[in-house]
Amino acid sequence: MFVIIYSFKIYPNKEQEFIKSWTNLTEYIYQKYGSKGSKLHKESEDSFIAYAQWPSKEILENSKKNKSKKGDELSQKLRKYCLKVEILYEMDTIIDLLKN
């Protein structure tokens, strides 16, 4: 597995819009490009940390090469609620001990 960890600082009073946009974008990427989905965590009132998982780095890279108009629109919609978006880490998973 390959993971990306993001940090988001959003505009005040835009939490629900941001969460809905994150959900819509994640669902689209999952269905179109084969991601494993994501988890979104609230760090503080206007800060979030997200964890997105991919079967491999190659599948992620292919999704970037094969962008779609709809994916770009969903991404732009998400970003309009953000003051700042950062990729904190991109990592290969060595051991996964999470339980379902």
PDB file of N, CA and C in Angstrom:
ATOM      1  N   MET A   1       0.834  -1.189   0.000  1.00  0.00           N
ATOM      2  CA  MET A   1       0.000   0.000   0.000  1.00  0.00           C
ATOM      3  C   MET A   1       0.876   1.249   0.000  1.00  0.00           C
ATOM      4  N   PHE A   2       0.285   2.315  -0.499  1.00  0.00           N
ATOM      5  CA  PHE A   2       0.938   3.613  -0.527  1.00  0.00           C
ATOM      6  C   PHE A   2      -0.029   4.615   0.087  1.00  0.00           C
ATOM      7  N   VAL A   3       0.464   5.493   0.940  1.00  0.00           N
ATOM      8  CA  VAL A   3      -0.404   6.464   1.614  1.00  0.00           C
ATOM      9  C   VAL A   3       0.107   7.889   1.433  1.00  0.00           C
ATOM     10  N   ILE A   4      -0.841   8.797   1.477  1.00  0.00           N
ATOM     11  CA  ILE A   4      -0.537  10.226   1.462  1.00  0.00           C
ATOM     12  C   ILE A   4      -1.251  10.842   2.649  1.00  0.00           C
ATOM     13  N   ILE A   5      -0.547  11.685   3.381  1.00  0.00           N
ATOM     14  CA  ILE A   5      -1.146  12.384   4.512  1.00  0.00           C
ATOM     15  C   ILE A   5      -1.165  13.872   4.186  1.00  0.00           C
ATOM     16  N   TYR A   6      -2.374  14.438   4.258  1.00  0.00           N
ATOM     17  CA  TYR A   6      -2.607  15.846   3.928  1.00  0.00           C
ATOM     18  C   TYR A   6      -2.948  16.642   5.184  1.00  0.00           C
ATOM     19  N   SER A   7      -2.665  17.921   5.124  1.00  0.00           N
ATOM     20  CA  SER A   7      -3.087  18.868   6.151  1.00  0.00           C
ATOM     21  C   SER A   7      -3.909  19.962   5.458  1.00  0.00           C
ATOM     22  N   PHE A   8      -5.058  20.299   6.062  1.00  0.00           N
ATOM     23  CA  PHE A   8      -5.926  21.329   5.517  1.00  0.00           C
ATOM     24  C   PHE A   8      -6.224  22.375   6.581  1.00  0.00           C
ATOM     25  N   LYS A   9      -6.131  23.607   6.200  1.00  0.00           N
ATOM     26  CA  LYS A   9      -6.604  24.732   7.013  1.00  0.00           C
ATOM     27  C   LYS A   9      -7.754  25.330   6.207  1.00  0.00           C
ATOM     28  N   ILE A  10      -8.961  25.316   6.785  1.00  0.00           N
ATOM     29  CA  ILE A  10     -10.133  25.758   6.025  1.00  0.00           C
ATOM     30  C   ILE A  10     -10.607  27.141   6.487  1.00  0.00           C
ATOM     31  N   TYR A  11     -11.431  27.749   5.647  1.00  0.00           N
ATOM     32  CA  TYR A  11     -12.030  29.031   5.998  1.00  0.00           C
ATOM     33  C   TYR A  11     -13.015  28.844   7.152  1.00  0.00           C
ATOM     34  N   PRO A  12     -13.164  29.850   7.993  1.00  0.00           N
ATOM     35  CA  PRO A  12     -14.129  29.762   9.096  1.00  0.00           C
ATOM     36  C   PRO A  12     -15.540  29.476   8.576  1.00  0.00           C
ATOM     37  N   ASN A  13     -16.249  28.666   9.326  1.00  0.00           N
ATOM     38  CA  ASN A  13     -17.648  28.328   9.041  1.00  0.00           C
ATOM     39  C   ASN A  13     -17.858  27.585   7.719  1.00  0.00           C
ATOM     40  N   LYS A  14     -16.843  26.874   7.251  1.00  0.00           N
ATOM     41  CA  LYS A  14     -16.951  26.110   6.003  1.00  0.00           C
ATOM     42  C   LYS A  14     -16.734  24.617   6.229  1.00  0.00           C
ATOM     43  N   GLU A  15     -16.840  24.178   7.471  1.00  0.00           N
ATOM     44  CA  GLU A  15     -16.565  22.779   7.799  1.00  0.00           C
ATOM     45  C   GLU A  15     -17.471  21.808   7.041  1.00  0.00           C
ATOM     46  N   GLN A  16     -18.757  22.029   7.054  1.00  0.00           N
ATOM     47  CA  GLN A  16     -19.677  21.092   6.404  1.00  0.00           C
ATOM     48  C   GLN A  16     -19.447  21.034   4.898  1.00  0.00           C
ATOM     49  N   GLU A  17     -19.221  22.191   4.278  1.00  0.00           N
ATOM     50  CA  GLU A  17     -18.953  22.229   2.836  1.00  0.00           C
ATOM     51  C   GLU A  17     -17.648  21.502   2.510  1.00  0.00           C
ATOM     52  N   PHE A  18     -16.637  21.724   3.336  1.00  0.00           N
ATOM     53  CA  PHE A  18     -15.348  21.059   3.143  1.00  0.00           C
ATOM     54  C   PHE A  18     -15.505  19.539   3.268  1.00  0.00           C
ATOM     55  N   ILE A  19     -16.183  19.089   4.303  1.00  0.00           N
ATOM     56  CA  ILE A  19     -16.366  17.644   4.519  1.00  0.00           C
ATOM     57  C   ILE A  19     -17.139  17.019   3.358  1.00  0.00           C
ATOM     58  N   LYS A  20     -18.175  17.692   2.902  1.00  0.00           N
ATOM     59  CA  LYS A  20     -18.947  17.167   1.769  1.00  0.00           C
ATOM     60  C   LYS A  20     -18.077  17.099   0.513  1.00  0.00           C
ATOM     61  N   SER A  21     -17.286  18.127   0.267  1.00  0.00           N
ATOM     62  CA  SER A  21     -16.409  18.132  -0.906  1.00  0.00           C
ATOM     63  C   SER A  21     -15.339  17.051  -0.809  1.00  0.00           C
ATOM     64  N   TRP A  22     -14.769  16.870   0.388  1.00  0.00           N
ATOM     65  CA  TRP A  22     -13.776  15.809   0.575  1.00  0.00           C
ATOM     66  C   TRP A  22     -14.407  14.442   0.294  1.00  0.00           C
ATOM     67  N   THR A  23     -15.589  14.244   0.804  1.00  0.00           N
ATOM     68  CA  THR A  23     -16.293  12.974   0.597  1.00  0.00           C
ATOM     69  C   THR A  23     -16.562  12.731  -0.883  1.00  0.00           C
ATOM     70  N   ASN A  24     -17.080  13.733  -1.580  1.00  0.00           N
ATOM     71  CA  ASN A  24     -17.378  13.597  -3.003  1.00  0.00           C
ATOM     72  C   ASN A  24     -16.122  13.313  -3.825  1.00  0.00           C
ATOM     73  N   LEU A  25     -15.041  14.023  -3.533  1.00  0.00           N
ATOM     74  CA  LEU A  25     -13.791  13.812  -4.264  1.00  0.00           C
ATOM     75  C   LEU A  25     -13.225  12.425  -3.989  1.00  0.00           C
ATOM     76  N   THR A  26     -13.242  11.999  -2.733  1.00  0.00           N
ATOM     77  CA  THR A  26     -12.731  10.673  -2.383  1.00  0.00           C
ATOM     78  C   THR A  26     -13.544   9.575  -3.066  1.00  0.00           C
ATOM     79  N   GLU A  27     -14.863   9.686  -3.039  1.00  0.00           N
ATOM     80  CA  GLU A  27     -15.720   8.687  -3.690  1.00  0.00           C
ATOM     81  C   GLU A  27     -15.426   8.605  -5.187  1.00  0.00           C
ATOM     82  N   TYR A  28     -15.253   9.752  -5.816  1.00  0.00           N
ATOM     83  CA  TYR A  28     -14.966   9.781  -7.247  1.00  0.00           C
ATOM     84  C   TYR A  28     -13.616   9.104  -7.551  1.00  0.00           C
ATOM     85  N   ILE A  29     -12.604   9.457  -6.792  1.00  0.00           N
ATOM     86  CA  ILE A  29     -11.270   8.881  -7.010  1.00  0.00           C
ATOM     87  C   ILE A  29     -11.290   7.375  -6.764  1.00  0.00           C
ATOM     88  N   TYR A  30     -12.006   6.949  -5.751  1.00  0.00           N
ATOM     89  CA  TYR A  30     -12.148   5.523  -5.447  1.00  0.00           C
ATOM     90  C   TYR A  30     -12.770   4.779  -6.628  1.00  0.00           C
ATOM     91  N   GLN A  31     -13.855   5.324  -7.153  1.00  0.00           N
ATOM     92  CA  GLN A  31     -14.566   4.657  -8.247  1.00  0.00           C
ATOM     93  C   GLN A  31     -13.811   4.725  -9.568  1.00  0.00           C
ATOM     94  N   LYS A  32     -13.216   5.868  -9.885  1.00  0.00           N
ATOM     95  CA  LYS A  32     -12.583   6.065 -11.193  1.00  0.00           C
ATOM     96  C   LYS A  32     -11.166   5.526 -11.265  1.00  0.00           C
ATOM     97  N   TYR A  33     -10.393   5.668 -10.195  1.00  0.00           N
ATOM     98  CA  TYR A  33      -8.963   5.377 -10.270  1.00  0.00           C
ATOM     99  C   TYR A  33      -8.491   4.222  -9.392  1.00  0.00           C
ATOM    100  N   GLY A  34      -9.368   3.675  -8.568  1.00  0.00           N
ATOM    101  CA  GLY A  34      -8.977   2.518  -7.779  1.00  0.00           C
ATOM    102  C   GLY A  34      -8.223   2.817  -6.505  1.00  0.00           C
ATOM    103  N   SER A  35      -8.442   3.992  -5.931  1.00  0.00           N
ATOM    104  CA  SER A  35      -7.837   4.252  -4.622  1.00  0.00           C
ATOM    105  C   SER A  35      -8.500   3.339  -3.592  1.00  0.00           C
ATOM    106  N   LYS A  36      -7.964   3.302  -2.397  1.00  0.00           N
ATOM    107  CA  LYS A  36      -8.554   2.506  -1.319  1.00  0.00           C
ATOM    108  C   LYS A  36      -9.409   3.370  -0.404  1.00  0.00           C
ATOM    109  N   GLY A  37      -9.563   4.653  -0.753  1.00  0.00           N
ATOM    110  CA  GLY A  37     -10.368   5.552   0.059  1.00  0.00           C
ATOM    111  C   GLY A  37      -9.513   6.415   0.963  1.00  0.00           C
ATOM    112  N   SER A  38     -10.165   7.022   1.952  1.00  0.00           N
ATOM    113  CA  SER A  38      -9.451   7.955   2.828  1.00  0.00           C
ATOM    114  C   SER A  38     -10.113   8.018   4.202  1.00  0.00           C
ATOM    115  N   LYS A  39      -9.409   8.651   5.103  1.00  0.00           N
ATOM    116  CA  LYS A  39      -9.949   9.001   6.421  1.00  0.00           C
ATOM    117  C   LYS A  39      -9.659  10.473   6.630  1.00  0.00           C
ATOM    118  N   LEU A  40     -10.661  11.179   7.163  1.00  0.00           N
ATOM    119  CA  LEU A  40     -10.513  12.598   7.443  1.00  0.00           C
ATOM    120  C   LEU A  40     -10.623  12.791   8.946  1.00  0.00           C
ATOM    121  N   HIS A  41      -9.661  13.493   9.515  1.00  0.00           N
ATOM    122  CA  HIS A  41      -9.605  13.714  10.962  1.00  0.00           C
ATOM    123  C   HIS A  41      -9.643  15.211  11.248  1.00  0.00           C
ATOM    124  N   LYS A  42     -10.392  15.581  12.258  1.00  0.00           N
ATOM    125  CA  LYS A  42     -10.449  16.985  12.670  1.00  0.00           C
ATOM    126  C   LYS A  42      -9.380  17.214  13.723  1.00  0.00           C
ATOM    127  N   GLU A  43      -8.475  18.131  13.425  1.00  0.00           N
ATOM    128  CA  GLU A  43      -7.399  18.465  14.347  1.00  0.00           C
ATOM    129  C   GLU A  43      -7.819  19.591  15.292  1.00  0.00           C
ATOM    130  N   SER A  44      -8.470  20.594  14.743  1.00  0.00           N
ATOM    131  CA  SER A  44      -8.985  21.715  15.529  1.00  0.00           C
ATOM    132  C   SER A  44     -10.152  22.325  14.762  1.00  0.00           C
ATOM    133  N   GLU A  45     -10.644  23.453  15.225  1.00  0.00           N
ATOM    134  CA  GLU A  45     -11.843  24.051  14.631  1.00  0.00           C
ATOM    135  C   GLU A  45     -11.747  24.221  13.116  1.00  0.00           C
ATOM    136  N   ASP A  46     -10.586  24.610  12.631  1.00  0.00           N
ATOM    137  CA  ASP A  46     -10.443  24.864  11.189  1.00  0.00           C
ATOM    138  C   ASP A  46      -9.288  24.096  10.554  1.00  0.00           C
ATOM    139  N   SER A  47      -8.825  23.048  11.230  1.00  0.00           N
ATOM    140  CA  SER A  47      -7.706  22.257  10.715  1.00  0.00           C
ATOM    141  C   SER A  47      -8.067  20.780  10.660  1.00  0.00           C
ATOM    142  N   PHE A  48      -7.725  20.163   9.549  1.00  0.00           N
ATOM    143  CA  PHE A  48      -8.009  18.751   9.329  1.00  0.00           C
ATOM    144  C   PHE A  48      -6.763  18.041   8.821  1.00  0.00           C
ATOM    145  N   ILE A  49      -6.685  16.771   9.143  1.00  0.00           N
ATOM    146  CA  ILE A  49      -5.639  15.885   8.628  1.00  0.00           C
ATOM    147  C   ILE A  49      -6.358  14.757   7.894  1.00  0.00           C
ATOM    148  N   ALA A  50      -5.890  14.446   6.703  1.00  0.00           N
ATOM    149  CA  ALA A  50      -6.504  13.371   5.924  1.00  0.00           C
ATOM    150  C   ALA A  50      -5.444  12.339   5.553  1.00  0.00           C
ATOM    151  N   TYR A  51      -5.919  11.124   5.468  1.00  0.00           N
ATOM    152  CA  TYR A  51      -5.091   9.975   5.134  1.00  0.00           C
ATOM    153  C   TYR A  51      -5.734   9.304   3.928  1.00  0.00           C
ATOM    154  N   ALA A  52      -5.035   9.271   2.789  1.00  0.00           N
ATOM    155  CA  ALA A  52      -5.549   8.612   1.588  1.00  0.00           C
ATOM    156  C   ALA A  52      -4.663   7.408   1.278  1.00  0.00           C
ATOM    157  N   GLN A  53      -5.299   6.296   0.952  1.00  0.00           N
ATOM    158  CA  GLN A  53      -4.556   5.057   0.729  1.00  0.00           C
ATOM    159  C   GLN A  53      -4.762   4.580  -0.712  1.00  0.00           C
ATOM    160  N   TRP A  54      -3.687   4.079  -1.290  1.00  0.00           N
ATOM    161  CA  TRP A  54      -3.661   3.564  -2.657  1.00  0.00           C
ATOM    162  C   TRP A  54      -3.059   2.172  -2.654  1.00  0.00           C
ATOM    163  N   PRO A  55      -3.472   1.311  -3.593  1.00  0.00           N
ATOM    164  CA  PRO A  55      -2.876  -0.023  -3.670  1.00  0.00           C
ATOM    165  C   PRO A  55      -1.361   0.030  -3.938  1.00  0.00           C
ATOM    166  N   SER A  56      -0.929   1.052  -4.693  1.00  0.00           N
ATOM    167  CA  SER A  56       0.501   1.222  -4.984  1.00  0.00           C
ATOM    168  C   SER A  56       0.759   2.654  -5.432  1.00  0.00           C
ATOM    169  N   LYS A  57       2.014   3.035  -5.395  1.00  0.00           N
ATOM    170  CA  LYS A  57       2.401   4.361  -5.876  1.00  0.00           C
ATOM    171  C   LYS A  57       2.146   4.473  -7.381  1.00  0.00           C
ATOM    172  N   GLU A  58       2.326   3.396  -8.099  1.00  0.00           N
ATOM    173  CA  GLU A  58       2.113   3.398  -9.551  1.00  0.00           C
ATOM    174  C   GLU A  58       0.660   3.720  -9.904  1.00  0.00           C
ATOM    175  N   ILE A  59      -0.278   3.150  -9.159  1.00  0.00           N
ATOM    176  CA  ILE A  59      -1.694   3.431  -9.418  1.00  0.00           C
ATOM    177  C   ILE A  59      -2.001   4.901  -9.137  1.00  0.00           C
ATOM    178  N   LEU A  60      -1.433   5.439  -8.081  1.00  0.00           N
ATOM    179  CA  LEU A  60      -1.586   6.866  -7.792  1.00  0.00           C
ATOM    180  C   LEU A  60      -1.022   7.701  -8.936  1.00  0.00           C
ATOM    181  N   GLU A  61       0.178   7.397  -9.384  1.00  0.00           N
ATOM    182  CA  GLU A  61       0.821   8.158 -10.461  1.00  0.00           C
ATOM    183  C   GLU A  61      -0.008   8.082 -11.749  1.00  0.00           C
ATOM    184  N   ASN A  62      -0.568   6.908 -12.048  1.00  0.00           N
ATOM    185  CA  ASN A  62      -1.415   6.769 -13.235  1.00  0.00           C
ATOM    186  C   ASN A  62      -2.665   7.628 -13.125  1.00  0.00           C
ATOM    187  N   SER A  63      -3.215   7.740 -11.925  1.00  0.00           N
ATOM    188  CA  SER A  63      -4.403   8.582 -11.751  1.00  0.00           C
ATOM    189  C   SER A  63      -4.072  10.046 -12.025  1.00  0.00           C
ATOM    190  N   LYS A  64      -2.874  10.467 -11.657  1.00  0.00           N
ATOM    191  CA  LYS A  64      -2.451  11.850 -11.907  1.00  0.00           C
ATOM    192  C   LYS A  64      -2.268  12.104 -13.403  1.00  0.00           C
ATOM    193  N   LYS A  65      -1.781  11.106 -14.118  1.00  0.00           N
ATOM    194  CA  LYS A  65      -1.564  11.236 -15.567  1.00  0.00           C
ATOM    195  C   LYS A  65      -2.877  11.233 -16.336  1.00  0.00           C
ATOM    196  N   ASN A  66      -3.901  10.581 -15.795  1.00  0.00           N
ATOM    197  CA  ASN A  66      -5.181  10.422 -16.484  1.00  0.00           C
ATOM    198  C   ASN A  66      -6.284  11.241 -15.830  1.00  0.00           C
ATOM    199  N   LYS A  67      -5.972  12.482 -15.503  1.00  0.00           N
ATOM    200  CA  LYS A  67      -6.959  13.348 -14.858  1.00  0.00           C
ATOM    201  C   LYS A  67      -8.191  13.516 -15.737  1.00  0.00           C
ATOM    202  N   SER A  68      -9.310  13.750 -15.072  1.00  0.00           N
ATOM    203  CA  SER A  68     -10.552  13.983 -15.789  1.00  0.00           C
ATOM    204  C   SER A  68     -11.088  15.373 -15.456  1.00  0.00           C
ATOM    205  N   LYS A  69     -11.971  15.849 -16.299  1.00  0.00           N
ATOM    206  CA  LYS A  69     -12.594  17.151 -16.060  1.00  0.00           C
ATOM    207  C   LYS A  69     -13.388  17.135 -14.756  1.00  0.00           C
ATOM    208  N   LYS A  70     -14.138  16.054 -14.530  1.00  0.00           N
ATOM    209  CA  LYS A  70     -14.940  15.963 -13.305  1.00  0.00           C
ATOM    210  C   LYS A  70     -14.040  15.941 -12.066  1.00  0.00           C
ATOM    211  N   GLY A  71     -12.951  15.189 -12.110  1.00  0.00           N
ATOM    212  CA  GLY A  71     -12.018  15.146 -10.990  1.00  0.00           C
ATOM    213  C   GLY A  71     -11.419  16.508 -10.701  1.00  0.00           C
ATOM    214  N   ASP A  72     -11.053  17.234 -11.756  1.00  0.00           N
ATOM    215  CA  ASP A  72     -10.518  18.587 -11.580  1.00  0.00           C
ATOM    216  C   ASP A  72     -11.556  19.513 -10.961  1.00  0.00           C
ATOM    217  N   GLU A  73     -12.814  19.384 -11.407  1.00  0.00           N
ATOM    218  CA  GLU A  73     -13.879  20.218 -10.845  1.00  0.00           C
ATOM    219  C   GLU A  73     -14.091  19.924  -9.361  1.00  0.00           C
ATOM    220  N   LEU A  74     -14.098  18.633  -8.999  1.00  0.00           N
ATOM    221  CA  LEU A  74     -14.273  18.265  -7.591  1.00  0.00           C
ATOM    222  C   LEU A  74     -13.109  18.756  -6.742  1.00  0.00           C
ATOM    223  N   SER A  75     -11.906  18.661  -7.284  1.00  0.00           N
ATOM    224  CA  SER A  75     -10.722  19.127  -6.561  1.00  0.00           C
ATOM    225  C   SER A  75     -10.754  20.645  -6.371  1.00  0.00           C
ATOM    226  N   GLN A  76     -11.136  21.370  -7.404  1.00  0.00           N
ATOM    227  CA  GLN A  76     -11.235  22.832  -7.307  1.00  0.00           C
ATOM    228  C   GLN A  76     -12.301  23.247  -6.299  1.00  0.00           C
ATOM    229  N   LYS A  77     -13.409  22.512  -6.282  1.00  0.00           N
ATOM    230  CA  LYS A  77     -14.466  22.823  -5.320  1.00  0.00           C
ATOM    231  C   LYS A  77     -13.964  22.636  -3.892  1.00  0.00           C
ATOM    232  N   LEU A  78     -13.230  21.555  -3.643  1.00  0.00           N
ATOM    233  CA  LEU A  78     -12.659  21.327  -2.317  1.00  0.00           C
ATOM    234  C   LEU A  78     -11.717  22.464  -1.930  1.00  0.00           C
ATOM    235  N   ARG A  79     -10.852  22.834  -2.848  1.00  0.00           N
ATOM    236  CA  ARG A  79      -9.844  23.865  -2.550  1.00  0.00           C
ATOM    237  C   ARG A  79     -10.445  25.241  -2.285  1.00  0.00           C
ATOM    238  N   LYS A  80     -11.653  25.498  -2.782  1.00  0.00           N
ATOM    239  CA  LYS A  80     -12.231  26.824  -2.534  1.00  0.00           C
ATOM    240  C   LYS A  80     -12.618  27.012  -1.066  1.00  0.00           C
ATOM    241  N   TYR A  81     -12.672  25.927  -0.299  1.00  0.00           N
ATOM    242  CA  TYR A  81     -12.962  26.017   1.134  1.00  0.00           C
ATOM    243  C   TYR A  81     -11.691  26.034   1.976  1.00  0.00           C
ATOM    244  N   CYS A  82     -10.538  25.981   1.321  1.00  0.00           N
ATOM    245  CA  CYS A  82      -9.260  25.844   2.027  1.00  0.00           C
ATOM    246  C   CYS A  82      -8.408  27.099   1.942  1.00  0.00           C
ATOM    247  N   LEU A  83      -7.879  27.487   3.074  1.00  0.00           N
ATOM    248  CA  LEU A  83      -6.867  28.541   3.105  1.00  0.00           C
ATOM    249  C   LEU A  83      -5.502  27.957   2.734  1.00  0.00           C
ATOM    250  N   LYS A  84      -5.297  26.697   3.135  1.00  0.00           N
ATOM    251  CA  LYS A  84      -3.992  26.068   2.912  1.00  0.00           C
ATOM    252  C   LYS A  84      -4.172  24.559   2.798  1.00  0.00           C
ATOM    253  N   VAL A  85      -3.479  23.970   1.821  1.00  0.00           N
ATOM    254  CA  VAL A  85      -3.463  22.522   1.640  1.00  0.00           C
ATOM    255  C   VAL A  85      -2.005  22.098   1.531  1.00  0.00           C
ATOM    256  N   GLU A  86      -1.629  21.120   2.335  1.00  0.00           N
ATOM    257  CA  GLU A  86      -0.257  20.613   2.294  1.00  0.00           C
ATOM    258  C   GLU A  86      -0.255  19.094   2.226  1.00  0.00           C
ATOM    259  N   ILE A  87       0.676  18.567   1.467  1.00  0.00           N
ATOM    260  CA  ILE A  87       0.968  17.137   1.549  1.00  0.00           C
ATOM    261  C   ILE A  87       2.085  17.011   2.575  1.00  0.00           C
ATOM    262  N   LEU A  88       1.786  16.334   3.673  1.00  0.00           N
ATOM    263  CA  LEU A  88       2.777  16.183   4.737  1.00  0.00           C
ATOM    264  C   LEU A  88       3.715  15.019   4.475  1.00  0.00           C
ATOM    265  N   TYR A  89       3.149  13.907   4.006  1.00  0.00           N
ATOM    266  CA  TYR A  89       3.946  12.697   3.774  1.00  0.00           C
ATOM    267  C   TYR A  89       3.377  11.902   2.610  1.00  0.00           C
ATOM    268  N   GLU A  90       4.260  11.228   1.900  1.00  0.00           N
ATOM    269  CA  GLU A  90       3.916  10.198   0.929  1.00  0.00           C
ATOM    270  C   GLU A  90       4.772   9.000   1.289  1.00  0.00           C
ATOM    271  N   MET A  91       4.120   7.860   1.606  1.00  0.00           N
ATOM    272  CA  MET A  91       4.871   6.739   2.192  1.00  0.00           C
ATOM    273  C   MET A  91       4.367   5.391   1.714  1.00  0.00           C
ATOM    274  N   ASP A  92       5.284   4.444   1.628  1.00  0.00           N
ATOM    275  CA  ASP A  92       4.924   3.038   1.427  1.00  0.00           C
ATOM    276  C   ASP A  92       4.558   2.441   2.774  1.00  0.00           C
ATOM    277  N   THR A  93       3.553   1.582   2.792  1.00  0.00           N
ATOM    278  CA  THR A  93       3.180   0.883   4.006  1.00  0.00           C
ATOM    279  C   THR A  93       4.067  -0.354   4.156  1.00  0.00           C
ATOM    280  N   ILE A  94       4.675  -0.507   5.306  1.00  0.00           N
ATOM    281  CA  ILE A  94       5.547  -1.643   5.581  1.00  0.00           C
ATOM    282  C   ILE A  94       4.772  -2.739   6.309  1.00  0.00           C
ATOM    283  N   ILE A  95       4.050  -2.344   7.362  1.00  0.00           N
ATOM    284  CA  ILE A  95       3.234  -3.278   8.129  1.00  0.00           C
ATOM    285  C   ILE A  95       1.894  -2.612   8.409  1.00  0.00           C
ATOM    286  N   ASP A  96       0.813  -3.341   8.213  1.00  0.00           N
ATOM    287  CA  ASP A  96      -0.534  -2.832   8.502  1.00  0.00           C
ATOM    288  C   ASP A  96      -1.151  -3.728   9.577  1.00  0.00           C
ATOM    289  N   LEU A  97      -1.300  -3.181  10.776  1.00  0.00           N
ATOM    290  CA  LEU A  97      -1.875  -3.923  11.889  1.00  0.00           C
ATOM    291  C   LEU A  97      -3.250  -3.389  12.296  1.00  0.00           C
ATOM    292  N   LEU A  98      -3.846  -2.536  11.444  1.00  0.00           N
ATOM    293  CA  LEU A  98      -5.189  -2.069  11.734  1.00  0.00           C
ATOM    294  C   LEU A  98      -6.188  -3.200  11.602  1.00  0.00           C
ATOM    295  N   LYS A  99      -7.160  -3.236  12.469  1.00  0.00           N
ATOM    296  CA  LYS A  99      -8.207  -4.250  12.443  1.00  0.00           C
ATOM    297  C   LYS A  99      -9.499  -3.627  11.973  1.00  0.00           C
ATOM    298  N   ASN A 100     -10.295  -4.365  11.242  1.00  0.00           N
ATOM    299  CA  ASN A 100     -11.590  -3.846  10.782  1.00  0.00           C
ATOM    300  C   ASN A 100     -12.652  -4.037  11.825  1.00  0.00           C
TER     301      ASN A 100
END
